[in-house]
Amino acid sequence: MNAIVAFGKFWWDFVVGDDWRTAVLVVVAIVATAAIAHSSVSAWWLMPPAVAGVLYLSLRRAAGR
């Protein structure tokens, strides 16, 4: 059981890391892309601006602004 708990803690730390907000925004972007793609609309265009926006917000928060 300790190995399972350690494995779960590793993945939590790897995915969430220091900023849970960034992890949540990435999940939201993935879900939005999947929802758009499921509606038979091309969804390739959503992830690049989403990644740029998440990066901007993360850097802005890290800079203290």
C-alpha atoms as a PDB file:
ATOM      1  CA  MET A   1       0.000   0.000   0.000  1.00  0.00           C
ATOM      2  CA  ASN A   2       2.902   2.376   0.668  1.00  0.00           C
ATOM      3  CA  ALA A   3       4.054   2.000  -2.928  1.00  0.00           C
ATOM      4  CA  ILE A   4       0.611   2.999  -4.232  1.00  0.00           C
ATOM      5  CA  VAL A   5       0.509   6.055  -1.978  1.00  0.00           C
ATOM      6  CA  ALA A   6       4.041   7.037  -3.019  1.00  0.00           C
ATOM      7  CA  PHE A   7       3.107   6.594  -6.675  1.00  0.00           C
ATOM      8  CA  GLY A   8       0.030   8.806  -6.238  1.00  0.00           C
ATOM      9  CA  LYS A   9       2.028  11.482  -4.415  1.00  0.00           C
ATOM     10  CA  PHE A  10       4.649  11.450  -7.164  1.00  0.00           C
ATOM     11  CA  TRP A  11       2.064  12.043  -9.888  1.00  0.00           C
ATOM     12  CA  TRP A  12       0.295  14.721  -7.833  1.00  0.00           C
ATOM     13  CA  ASP A  13       3.590  16.571  -7.356  1.00  0.00           C
ATOM     14  CA  PHE A  14       4.555  16.062 -11.004  1.00  0.00           C
ATOM     15  CA  VAL A  15       1.253  17.297 -12.460  1.00  0.00           C
ATOM     16  CA  VAL A  16       0.266  19.968  -9.948  1.00  0.00           C
ATOM     17  CA  GLY A  17       3.726  20.983  -8.775  1.00  0.00           C
ATOM     18  CA  ASP A  18       3.931  24.387  -7.149  1.00  0.00           C
ATOM     19  CA  ASP A  19       0.933  26.018  -8.811  1.00  0.00           C
ATOM     20  CA  TRP A  20      -2.409  24.238  -8.739  1.00  0.00           C
ATOM     21  CA  ARG A  21      -4.032  27.079 -10.725  1.00  0.00           C
ATOM     22  CA  THR A  22      -1.877  26.336 -13.762  1.00  0.00           C
ATOM     23  CA  ALA A  23      -2.787  22.644 -13.580  1.00  0.00           C
ATOM     24  CA  VAL A  24      -6.494  23.513 -13.402  1.00  0.00           C
ATOM     25  CA  LEU A  25      -6.251  25.883 -16.368  1.00  0.00           C
ATOM     26  CA  VAL A  26      -4.475  23.247 -18.450  1.00  0.00           C
ATOM     27  CA  VAL A  27      -7.203  20.708 -17.630  1.00  0.00           C
ATOM     28  CA  VAL A  28      -9.867  23.292 -18.560  1.00  0.00           C
ATOM     29  CA  ALA A  29      -8.105  23.920 -21.887  1.00  0.00           C
ATOM     30  CA  ILE A  30      -7.930  20.187 -22.630  1.00  0.00           C
ATOM     31  CA  VAL A  31     -11.604  19.679 -21.757  1.00  0.00           C
ATOM     32  CA  ALA A  32     -12.624  22.667 -23.904  1.00  0.00           C
ATOM     33  CA  THR A  33     -10.589  21.330 -26.826  1.00  0.00           C
ATOM     34  CA  ALA A  34     -12.181  17.897 -26.449  1.00  0.00           C
ATOM     35  CA  ALA A  35     -15.667  19.415 -26.280  1.00  0.00           C
ATOM     36  CA  ILE A  36     -15.111  21.467 -29.413  1.00  0.00           C
ATOM     37  CA  ALA A  37     -13.572  18.513 -31.261  1.00  0.00           C
ATOM     38  CA  HIS A  38     -16.504  16.326 -30.221  1.00  0.00           C
ATOM     39  CA  SER A  39     -18.891  18.763 -31.923  1.00  0.00           C
ATOM     40  CA  SER A  40     -17.245  18.041 -35.311  1.00  0.00           C
ATOM     41  CA  VAL A  41     -15.483  21.403 -35.422  1.00  0.00           C
ATOM     42  CA  SER A  42     -11.746  21.635 -35.966  1.00  0.00           C
ATOM     43  CA  ALA A  43     -10.234  22.321 -32.541  1.00  0.00           C
ATOM     44  CA  TRP A  44      -6.513  22.500 -33.294  1.00  0.00           C
ATOM     45  CA  TRP A  45      -6.523  26.279 -32.913  1.00  0.00           C
ATOM     46  CA  LEU A  46      -7.612  26.325 -29.264  1.00  0.00           C
ATOM     47  CA  MET A  47      -4.569  24.895 -27.504  1.00  0.00           C
ATOM     48  CA  PRO A  48      -1.864  27.350 -28.748  1.00  0.00           C
ATOM     49  CA  PRO A  49      -3.629  30.466 -27.394  1.00  0.00           C
ATOM     50  CA  ALA A  50      -4.658  28.564 -24.264  1.00  0.00           C
ATOM     51  CA  VAL A  51      -1.059  27.577 -23.562  1.00  0.00           C
ATOM     52  CA  ALA A  52       0.107  31.142 -24.233  1.00  0.00           C
ATOM     53  CA  GLY A  53      -2.553  32.491 -21.874  1.00  0.00           C
ATOM     54  CA  VAL A  54      -1.726  30.024 -19.108  1.00  0.00           C
ATOM     55  CA  LEU A  55       1.971  30.820 -19.487  1.00  0.00           C
ATOM     56  CA  TYR A  56       1.265  34.557 -19.332  1.00  0.00           C
ATOM     57  CA  LEU A  57      -0.846  34.202 -16.184  1.00  0.00           C
ATOM     58  CA  SER A  58       1.711  31.933 -14.537  1.00  0.00           C
ATOM     59  CA  LEU A  59       4.605  34.295 -15.277  1.00  0.00           C
ATOM     60  CA  ARG A  60       2.580  37.319 -14.186  1.00  0.00           C
ATOM     61  CA  ARG A  61       1.746  35.635 -10.891  1.00  0.00           C
ATOM     62  CA  ALA A  62       5.395  34.586 -10.391  1.00  0.00           C
ATOM     63  CA  ALA A  63       6.583  38.138 -11.043  1.00  0.00           C
ATOM     64  CA  GLY A  64       4.228  39.392  -8.352  1.00  0.00           C
ATOM     65  CA  ARG A  65       2.045  41.624 -10.486  1.00  0.00           C
END
